[in-house]
Protein backbone atom coordinates (compact mmCIF):
# COMPACT_ATOMS: atom_id res chain seq x y z
CA MET A 1 -5.81 16.70 7.06
CA ASN A 2 -7.15 16.17 3.54
CA ARG A 3 -6.84 13.00 1.51
CA ARG A 4 -3.91 14.23 -0.57
CA ASN A 5 -1.83 15.23 2.45
CA GLY A 6 -2.78 12.03 4.25
CA LEU A 7 -1.59 9.85 1.39
CA LEU A 8 1.58 11.90 1.13
CA ALA A 9 2.29 11.39 4.83
CA LEU A 10 1.78 7.63 4.42
CA SER A 11 3.75 7.46 1.19
CA PRO A 12 6.97 6.13 2.82
CA MET A 13 5.09 2.99 3.88
CA LEU A 14 3.43 2.69 0.47
CA LEU A 15 6.78 3.25 -1.26
CA LEU A 16 8.38 0.56 0.89
CA ILE A 17 5.84 -2.00 -0.27
CA LEU A 18 5.99 -0.85 -3.89
CA VAL A 19 9.81 -0.93 -4.11
CA PHE A 20 9.96 -4.35 -2.51
CA VAL A 21 7.37 -5.82 -4.87
CA VAL A 22 8.91 -4.24 -8.00
CA ILE A 23 12.46 -5.36 -7.17
CA GLY A 24 11.21 -8.83 -6.25
CA ILE A 25 9.39 -9.20 -9.55
CA LEU A 26 12.34 -7.91 -11.57
CA ALA A 27 14.76 -10.19 -9.72
CA GLY A 28 12.43 -13.14 -10.02
CA ASP A 29 13.01 -13.95 -6.35
CA PHE A 30 11.66 -11.92 -3.44
CA TYR A 31 14.47 -13.12 -1.19
CA LYS A 32 17.05 -11.56 -3.48
CA VAL A 33 15.64 -8.17 -2.53
CA PRO A 34 18.13 -6.37 -0.23
CA MET A 35 15.69 -5.46 2.55
CA LEU A 36 18.16 -3.27 4.41
CA VAL A 37 18.98 -1.27 1.27
CA VAL A 38 15.28 -0.83 0.48
CA PHE A 39 14.64 0.50 3.99
CA ILE A 40 17.58 2.91 3.73
CA LEU A 41 16.30 4.28 0.42
CA VAL A 42 12.79 4.74 1.80
CA ALA A 43 14.25 6.40 4.92
CA ALA A 44 16.07 8.89 2.68
CA TYR A 45 12.78 9.61 0.91
CA ALA A 46 11.03 10.15 4.27
CA LEU A 47 13.73 12.62 5.32
CA CYS A 48 13.29 14.55 2.06
CA LEU A 49 9.52 14.49 2.47
CA THR A 50 9.58 15.99 5.97
CA ARG A 51 10.56 19.54 5.11
CA ILE A 52 8.17 21.68 7.18
CA ASP A 53 8.02 22.04 10.96
CA ARG A 54 4.43 21.23 11.85
CA HIS A 55 4.42 23.76 14.69
CA THR A 56 6.19 26.80 13.23
CA LYS A 57 5.39 26.00 9.58
CA GLN A 58 9.00 26.94 8.81
CA ARG A 59 11.51 24.89 6.87
CA LEU A 60 12.88 22.02 8.96
CA PRO A 61 16.70 21.75 8.79
CA LEU A 62 18.22 18.39 7.81
CA LEU A 63 19.85 17.91 11.21
CA ASP A 64 16.48 18.39 12.91
CA ARG A 65 14.94 15.85 10.55
CA LEU A 66 17.70 13.37 11.39
CA ALA A 67 17.10 13.99 15.09
CA LEU A 68 13.40 13.28 14.58
CA PHE A 69 14.18 10.07 12.71
CA SER A 70 16.70 9.01 15.37
CA ARG A 71 14.12 9.60 18.09
CA GLY A 72 11.92 6.96 16.48
CA ALA A 73 14.86 4.61 15.85
CA GLY A 74 15.88 4.87 19.50
CA GLU A 75 12.41 4.70 21.02
CA ARG A 76 12.43 3.03 24.43
CA ASN A 77 10.27 0.03 23.59
CA LEU A 78 12.11 -0.51 20.32
CA LEU A 79 15.48 -0.60 22.08
CA GLN A 80 14.16 -3.10 24.60
CA MET A 81 13.04 -5.27 21.69
CA ILE A 82 16.55 -5.04 20.22
CA TRP A 83 18.15 -6.22 23.48
CA ILE A 84 15.81 -9.18 23.36
CA PHE A 85 16.85 -9.88 19.77
CA VAL A 86 20.50 -9.89 20.85
CA LEU A 87 20.01 -12.40 23.66
CA ALA A 88 17.59 -14.51 21.61
CA GLY A 89 20.09 -14.77 18.76
CA ALA A 90 22.86 -15.80 21.13
CA PHE A 91 20.69 -18.45 22.76
CA ALA A 92 19.34 -19.88 19.50
CA GLU A 93 22.78 -20.44 17.99
CA SER A 94 24.49 -21.70 21.16
CA ALA A 95 21.62 -24.11 21.87
CA LYS A 96 21.79 -25.37 18.30
CA GLN A 97 25.54 -26.00 18.45
CA MET A 98 25.17 -27.61 21.87
CA GLY A 99 22.94 -30.28 20.26
CA ALA A 100 19.66 -29.24 21.78
CA ILE A 101 17.79 -29.38 18.44
CA ASP A 102 18.82 -32.98 17.79
CA ALA A 103 17.86 -33.85 21.35
CA MET A 104 14.37 -32.38 20.95
CA VAL A 105 13.80 -34.28 17.70
CA ASN A 106 14.93 -37.55 19.25
CA VAL A 107 12.80 -37.07 22.35
CA VAL A 108 9.61 -36.81 20.28
CA LEU A 109 10.40 -39.46 17.67
CA ASP A 110 11.73 -41.92 20.23
CA VAL A 111 8.28 -42.33 21.75
CA MET A 112 6.29 -42.30 18.49
CA PRO A 113 5.03 -45.50 16.80
CA PRO A 114 5.62 -45.76 13.02
CA SER A 115 2.05 -44.77 12.15
CA LEU A 116 2.56 -41.44 13.92
CA VAL A 117 5.60 -40.27 11.96
CA LEU A 118 3.80 -37.20 10.63
CA VAL A 119 2.65 -36.37 14.15
CA GLY A 120 6.22 -36.86 15.33
CA LEU A 121 7.60 -34.48 12.73
CA PHE A 122 4.92 -31.91 13.54
CA LEU A 123 5.59 -32.14 17.29
CA SER A 124 9.37 -32.14 16.80
CA ALA A 125 9.22 -28.91 14.82
CA LEU A 126 6.71 -27.54 17.32
CA GLY A 127 9.00 -28.22 20.26
CA VAL A 128 12.16 -26.91 18.60
CA SER A 129 10.63 -23.69 17.32
CA LEU A 130 8.92 -23.10 20.65
CA GLY A 131 12.34 -23.23 22.23
CA ILE A 132 14.48 -21.34 19.70
CA GLY A 133 11.80 -18.94 18.45
CA THR A 134 12.52 -19.18 14.73
CA SER A 135 10.55 -21.07 12.11
CA VAL A 136 13.32 -20.83 9.49
CA GLY A 137 15.93 -22.21 11.89
CA THR A 138 13.62 -25.06 12.81
CA ILE A 139 12.93 -25.88 9.18
CA VAL A 140 16.64 -25.91 8.38
CA ALA A 141 17.29 -28.26 11.30
CA ILE A 142 14.51 -30.80 10.80
CA THR A 143 13.70 -30.81 7.06
CA PRO A 144 16.75 -32.93 6.07
CA PHE A 145 15.61 -35.63 8.50
CA ALA A 146 11.99 -35.32 7.34
CA ALA A 147 12.97 -35.69 3.68
CA ALA A 148 15.15 -38.72 4.38
CA LEU A 149 12.45 -40.31 6.50
CA ALA A 150 9.84 -39.76 3.78
CA ALA A 151 12.05 -41.41 1.17
CA SER A 152 12.75 -44.47 3.31
CA ALA A 153 9.16 -44.84 4.51
CA SER A 154 7.49 -44.38 1.11
CA ILE A 155 5.48 -41.33 2.18
CA SER A 156 5.13 -38.02 0.38
CA VAL A 157 8.14 -35.76 0.84
CA GLU A 158 5.86 -32.73 0.45
CA MET A 159 3.58 -34.04 3.20
CA SER A 160 6.42 -34.65 5.64
CA VAL A 161 7.98 -31.25 4.92
CA ALA A 162 4.60 -29.54 5.33
CA ALA A 163 4.27 -31.15 8.77
CA VAL A 164 7.62 -29.62 9.74
CA ILE A 165 6.59 -26.19 8.45
CA GLY A 166 3.34 -26.36 10.41
CA GLY A 167 5.09 -27.22 13.66
CA ALA A 168 7.69 -24.53 13.02
CA LEU A 169 4.97 -21.90 12.59
CA PHE A 170 3.27 -23.00 15.82
CA GLY A 171 6.42 -22.35 17.81
CA ASP A 172 7.24 -19.16 15.92
CA ASN A 173 3.77 -17.89 16.79
CA LEU A 174 3.96 -18.78 20.49
CA SER A 175 7.63 -18.79 21.50
CA PHE A 176 8.68 -16.19 24.03
CA ILE A 177 11.87 -15.50 22.08
CA SER A 178 10.36 -15.37 18.60
CA ASP A 179 10.98 -12.07 16.84
CA THR A 180 7.29 -11.93 15.88
CA THR A 181 6.28 -12.36 19.53
CA VAL A 182 8.73 -9.66 20.57
CA ALA A 183 7.51 -7.30 17.85
CA ALA A 184 3.82 -7.93 18.62
CA THR A 185 4.12 -7.54 22.39
CA GLN A 186 6.41 -4.54 22.26
CA THR A 187 4.30 -2.62 19.73
CA GLN A 188 1.20 -3.34 21.82
CA GLN A 189 3.08 -2.68 25.08
CA ILE A 190 1.95 -5.81 26.90
CA PRO A 191 3.74 -8.62 28.79
CA MET A 192 4.67 -11.65 26.70
CA ARG A 193 2.69 -13.94 28.98
CA ASP A 194 -0.55 -12.09 28.16
CA LYS A 195 -0.02 -12.49 24.44
CA PHE A 196 1.00 -16.14 24.90
CA LEU A 197 -2.23 -16.97 26.73
CA ALA A 198 -4.33 -15.10 24.15
CA ASN A 199 -2.57 -16.89 21.28
CA LEU A 200 -2.97 -20.25 22.97
CA GLY A 201 -6.75 -19.97 22.62
CA TRP A 202 -6.34 -20.21 18.84
CA ALA A 203 -3.05 -22.08 18.39
CA LEU A 204 -3.81 -24.98 20.76
CA PRO A 205 -7.14 -25.98 19.14
CA ALA A 206 -5.51 -25.62 15.70
CA ALA A 207 -2.59 -27.82 16.78
CA LEU A 208 -4.95 -30.45 18.23
CA ILE A 209 -7.03 -30.53 15.05
CA THR A 210 -3.86 -30.79 12.98
CA THR A 211 -2.62 -33.65 15.16
CA VAL A 212 -5.89 -35.54 14.66
CA ILE A 213 -5.63 -35.05 10.91
CA TYR A 214 -2.06 -36.39 10.92
CA VAL A 215 -3.13 -39.38 13.02
CA ILE A 216 -5.81 -40.22 10.47
CA LEU A 217 -3.36 -39.80 7.60
CA GLY A 218 -0.83 -41.94 9.46
CA LEU A 219 -3.19 -44.87 9.68
CA SER A 220 -2.99 -45.26 5.90
CA LEU A 221 0.81 -45.13 5.78
CA PRO A 222 2.83 -48.36 5.34
CA GLU A 223 4.43 -49.85 8.45
CA HIS A 224 8.11 -48.99 8.92
CA GLN A 225 10.73 -48.70 11.61
CA VAL A 226 11.92 -45.28 12.74
CA THR A 227 15.48 -45.27 14.06
CA THR A 228 16.70 -42.41 16.24
CA ALA A 229 19.88 -41.70 18.13
CA ALA A 230 20.07 -42.01 21.89
CA VAL A 231 18.14 -39.24 23.61
CA GLN A 232 20.34 -36.64 25.30
CA TRP A 233 17.90 -35.55 27.97
CA LEU A 234 20.23 -33.03 29.53
CA HIS A 235 20.41 -31.07 26.26
CA ILE A 236 16.72 -30.17 26.29
CA VAL A 237 16.94 -28.54 29.74
CA PRO A 238 17.60 -24.99 28.36
CA TYR A 239 14.45 -25.17 26.21
CA LEU A 240 12.34 -26.37 29.12
CA PHE A 241 13.81 -23.64 31.31
CA VAL A 242 12.88 -20.91 28.79
CA ILE A 243 9.27 -22.08 28.62
CA VAL A 244 8.78 -22.65 32.37
CA ALA A 245 10.59 -19.48 33.49
CA ALA A 246 8.68 -17.28 31.06
CA LEU A 247 5.37 -18.81 32.12
CA CYS A 248 6.30 -18.11 35.74
CA GLY A 249 6.47 -14.42 34.92
CA LEU A 250 10.21 -13.74 34.79
CA HIS A 251 11.12 -10.87 32.49
CA VAL A 252 12.14 -12.15 29.08
CA LEU A 253 15.57 -10.49 29.27
CA VAL A 254 16.28 -12.31 32.53
CA VAL A 255 14.99 -15.58 31.08
CA LEU A 256 17.20 -15.32 28.00
CA PHE A 257 20.28 -14.29 29.97
CA LEU A 258 19.92 -17.26 32.32
CA ALA A 259 19.14 -19.59 29.40
CA ASN A 260 22.39 -18.57 27.70
CA ILE A 261 24.35 -19.26 30.89
CA LEU A 262 22.61 -22.62 31.34
CA THR A 263 23.33 -23.61 27.73
CA GLY A 264 27.02 -22.79 28.17
CA ILE A 265 27.31 -24.76 31.40
CA ILE A 266 25.60 -27.85 29.94
CA GLY A 267 27.53 -27.63 26.67
CA VAL A 268 30.90 -27.39 28.42
CA ALA A 269 30.00 -30.05 31.01
CA THR A 270 28.99 -32.53 28.30
CA GLY A 271 31.99 -31.71 26.12
CA THR A 272 29.85 -30.38 23.24
CA PHE A 273 31.95 -27.24 23.06
CA THR A 274 34.57 -25.35 25.05
CA TRP A 275 34.05 -22.01 26.75
CA LEU A 276 35.58 -20.35 23.71
CA GLY A 277 33.30 -22.37 21.43
CA TRP A 278 30.30 -21.27 23.46
CA SER A 279 31.39 -17.63 23.17
CA ALA A 280 31.87 -18.03 19.41
CA ALA A 281 28.39 -19.57 19.07
CA MET A 282 26.77 -16.69 20.93
CA THR A 283 28.71 -14.16 18.87
CA ALA A 284 27.52 -15.83 15.66
CA GLY A 285 23.95 -15.81 16.95
CA VAL A 286 24.06 -12.09 17.71
CA ALA A 287 25.60 -11.41 14.29
CA ASN A 288 22.73 -13.31 12.67
CA MET A 289 20.32 -10.78 14.17
CA GLY A 290 22.24 -7.78 12.83
CA GLU A 291 20.14 -7.08 9.76
CA LEU A 292 16.88 -7.50 11.67
CA ILE A 293 18.11 -5.09 14.34
CA LEU A 294 19.03 -2.43 11.77
CA ILE A 295 15.76 -2.88 9.88
CA SER A 296 13.84 -2.58 13.15
CA MET A 297 15.56 0.71 13.98
CA ILE A 298 14.93 2.13 10.51
CA ALA A 299 11.30 0.99 10.71
CA GLY A 300 11.02 2.84 14.02
CA GLY A 301 12.45 5.98 12.41
CA LEU A 302 10.08 5.71 9.46
CA LEU A 303 7.11 5.35 11.78
CA GLU A 304 8.17 8.46 13.69
CA MET A 305 8.33 10.46 10.44
CA ILE A 306 4.92 9.18 9.35
CA LYS A 307 3.44 10.07 12.72
CA TYR A 308 5.06 13.51 12.66
CA ASN A 309 3.53 14.25 9.26
CA GLY A 310 0.09 13.13 10.43
CA GLY A 311 -0.11 9.92 8.43
CA ILE A 312 -1.15 7.71 11.36
CA THR A 313 -3.85 10.13 12.43
CA TRP A 314 -5.25 10.26 8.89
CA LEU A 315 -5.18 6.48 8.46
CA ILE A 316 -6.97 5.89 11.76
CA TYR A 317 -9.53 8.50 10.76
CA CYS A 318 -10.16 6.69 7.48
CA LEU A 319 -10.38 3.32 9.18
CA ARG A 320 -12.72 4.72 11.80
CA ARG A 321 -15.10 5.85 9.08
CA HIS A 322 -15.39 2.28 7.80
CA ILE A 323 -15.19 0.33 11.07
CA ARG A 324 -18.53 0.04 12.80
CA SER A 325 -17.73 -2.31 15.67
CA SER A 326 -14.99 -4.04 17.62
CA ARG A 327 -15.45 -7.03 15.33
CA GLY A 328 -14.77 -4.85 12.30
CA ALA A 329 -11.73 -3.37 14.05
CA SER A 330 -10.31 -6.85 14.71
CA ILE A 331 -10.83 -7.82 11.08
CA ALA A 332 -9.17 -4.56 9.99
CA ILE A 333 -6.06 -5.34 12.07
CA ALA A 334 -5.90 -8.88 10.65
CA THR A 335 -6.27 -7.54 7.11
CA LEU A 336 -3.64 -4.84 7.58
CA VAL A 337 -0.92 -7.18 8.81
CA SER A 338 -1.77 -9.85 6.23
CA VAL A 339 -1.62 -7.45 3.29
CA VAL A 340 1.69 -5.95 4.41
CA ASP A 341 3.14 -9.44 4.94
CA ILE A 342 2.09 -10.50 1.43
CA CYS A 343 3.95 -7.49 0.05
CA THR A 344 7.11 -7.81 2.15
CA ALA A 345 7.26 -11.60 2.71
CA ASN A 346 8.50 -10.91 6.24
CA ASN A 347 6.09 -11.30 9.13
CA THR A 348 8.26 -9.42 11.63
CA ILE A 349 8.51 -6.41 9.33
CA ALA A 350 4.75 -6.59 8.74
CA ILE A 351 4.07 -6.45 12.48
CA LEU A 352 6.51 -3.59 12.98
CA SER A 353 4.92 -1.68 10.09
CA VAL A 354 1.34 -1.81 11.37
CA GLY A 355 1.82 -2.54 15.08
CA HIS A 356 1.40 0.99 16.38
CA ILE A 357 -1.55 1.65 14.09
CA SER A 358 -3.16 -1.57 15.33
CA ARG A 359 -2.66 -0.52 18.95
CA ASP A 360 -4.47 2.75 18.33
CA ILE A 361 -7.33 0.93 16.60
CA ALA A 362 -7.57 -1.56 19.48
CA ASP A 363 -7.71 1.23 22.07
CA MET A 364 -10.29 3.13 20.05
CA TYR A 365 -12.70 0.19 19.71
CA GLY A 366 -12.27 -1.45 23.09
CA ILE A 367 -10.19 -4.43 21.98
CA SER A 368 -7.66 -5.61 24.55
CA ARG A 369 -4.07 -5.06 23.53
CA ARG A 370 -3.26 -8.70 24.18
CA ARG A 371 -5.91 -9.67 21.63
CA ALA A 372 -4.50 -7.14 19.16
CA ALA A 373 -1.02 -8.65 19.64
CA SER A 374 -2.46 -12.11 19.12
CA ILE A 375 -4.18 -11.04 15.89
CA LEU A 376 -0.98 -9.46 14.58
CA ASP A 377 1.19 -12.49 15.32
CA THR A 378 -1.34 -15.12 14.25
CA TYR A 379 -2.31 -13.65 10.90
CA SER A 380 1.23 -12.67 9.98
CA CYS A 381 2.40 -16.24 10.71
CA CYS A 382 -0.51 -17.79 8.78
CA THR A 383 0.15 -15.57 5.77
CA GLN A 384 3.92 -16.01 5.90
CA GLY A 385 3.65 -19.78 6.13
CA MET A 386 1.60 -20.01 2.93
CA LEU A 387 3.66 -17.67 0.74
CA VAL A 388 5.36 -19.52 -2.12
CA TYR A 389 8.09 -16.87 -2.07
CA GLY A 390 8.35 -16.83 1.72
CA ALA A 391 11.52 -17.95 3.48
CA GLN A 392 9.82 -20.91 5.13
CA LEU A 393 8.56 -22.58 1.94
CA LEU A 394 11.62 -21.67 -0.12
CA MET A 395 14.01 -23.03 2.50
CA ALA A 396 12.08 -26.25 3.02
CA ALA A 397 11.62 -26.83 -0.71
CA GLY A 398 15.29 -26.21 -1.42
CA ILE A 399 16.47 -28.66 1.25
CA ALA A 400 13.97 -31.34 0.27
CA ALA A 401 14.47 -30.73 -3.49
CA VAL A 402 10.77 -30.24 -4.23
CA ASN A 403 8.67 -27.48 -5.78
CA PRO A 404 7.36 -25.11 -3.06
CA ILE A 405 4.01 -24.91 -4.84
CA HIS A 406 3.58 -28.65 -4.31
CA ILE A 407 3.94 -28.23 -0.54
CA ILE A 408 1.04 -25.79 -0.19
CA PRO A 409 -1.80 -28.38 -0.48
CA PHE A 410 -0.34 -30.23 2.52
CA LEU A 411 0.01 -27.17 4.79
CA VAL A 412 -2.56 -28.33 7.31
CA TYR A 413 -1.65 -26.25 10.36
CA PRO A 414 -1.54 -22.75 8.79
CA LEU A 415 -4.91 -23.33 7.12
CA VAL A 416 -6.49 -24.71 10.30
CA LEU A 417 -5.08 -21.85 12.40
CA PHE A 418 -6.41 -19.32 9.90
CA ALA A 419 -9.85 -20.96 10.02
CA VAL A 420 -9.91 -21.07 13.84
CA ALA A 421 -8.79 -17.45 14.22
CA THR A 422 -11.18 -16.15 11.56
CA PHE A 423 -14.11 -18.05 13.08
CA SER A 424 -13.29 -16.42 16.42
CA LEU A 425 -13.09 -12.93 14.92
CA VAL A 426 -16.30 -13.23 12.93
CA PHE A 427 -18.59 -15.15 15.27
CA LEU A 428 -17.29 -14.83 18.85
CA ARG A 429 -17.35 -11.88 21.19
CA GLN A 430 -14.38 -9.51 20.86
CA THR A 431 -12.44 -8.96 24.10
């Protein structure tokens, strides 16, 4: 395939990025861009582009093109990812309404001395996001408390909010029910435990370094008293179950199903909600995943069209010409996912867009798929967490009533994680 045909085959992906950026600039807010509508428009373009049967060289009827697109949208691994999204959404919302988020915050802050408030906020967000698998949900839950605590304790609101964002990104990067984890492991076709262990080699040192930095910063903070509500230990059981069960090797669908049941039993037993309330919470959680599910299916269809037209083959060929080693291949994967995330401001979409390409690169240059999944998730989370127009910073800034640009200098964890991961890619042996 020549360069012109290769670029034409890849043009749906390029158009997706271009349309998103243009609309975001015109609207003045990237989160006003209707992602689902953009994907539908690009899908229509991809259907129009795919006019010739690559085998017979005859005109390809519209119904055959739709069948081809649907094959990608209904791909086996993609559908499994969608079932995980459904159960994860139900668990996240039901656990939130059951009071598990408040319980996790109180557990951490209850044992923290005043000088370790920043550490407490970081670990609170870390624990919550590790359990519910969403950085935005964690930020929404903890930022109001962080902002109020900063005001009463005479510490920087931006610093306290940045600590929450850092902890939220840690959990989003590692959680077994995070959509980025699901996307990374499913596109690389590996068990979640493998990716978790690979990620831990970067995330744990970064979290420890961040904790040390917050301890040092805390020593200079004025003394104050932190007041928390009574710890509801029973409410954190579903989170602990998710982590322990997944680490024990249970399939994620089984883990999430049992976690939903456990959340309902505890919620009803403690009087937090009724059986009907629990059902309503799960329904709301599934509904919250609706747009992501549709976008994931359209992304799968787009990828199938690009592959059918030879775009993936051409791109890998071009990358192969410039990649000289496994180290270069790892850096290429990190660059790909970071660039796409900058353009789309959505780390899950970025992983879905380049996941299959990254898997082919990893196989070609002898990089383990678990490492490829770790690179995808880590760099997409680092990039997403530092975007001024990303959901994480915009949400936190809006709740805390500060300028998102002013939060960036205090984003310790994303910067440390980026440094740790990049050091590993550049100087350590690729496996």
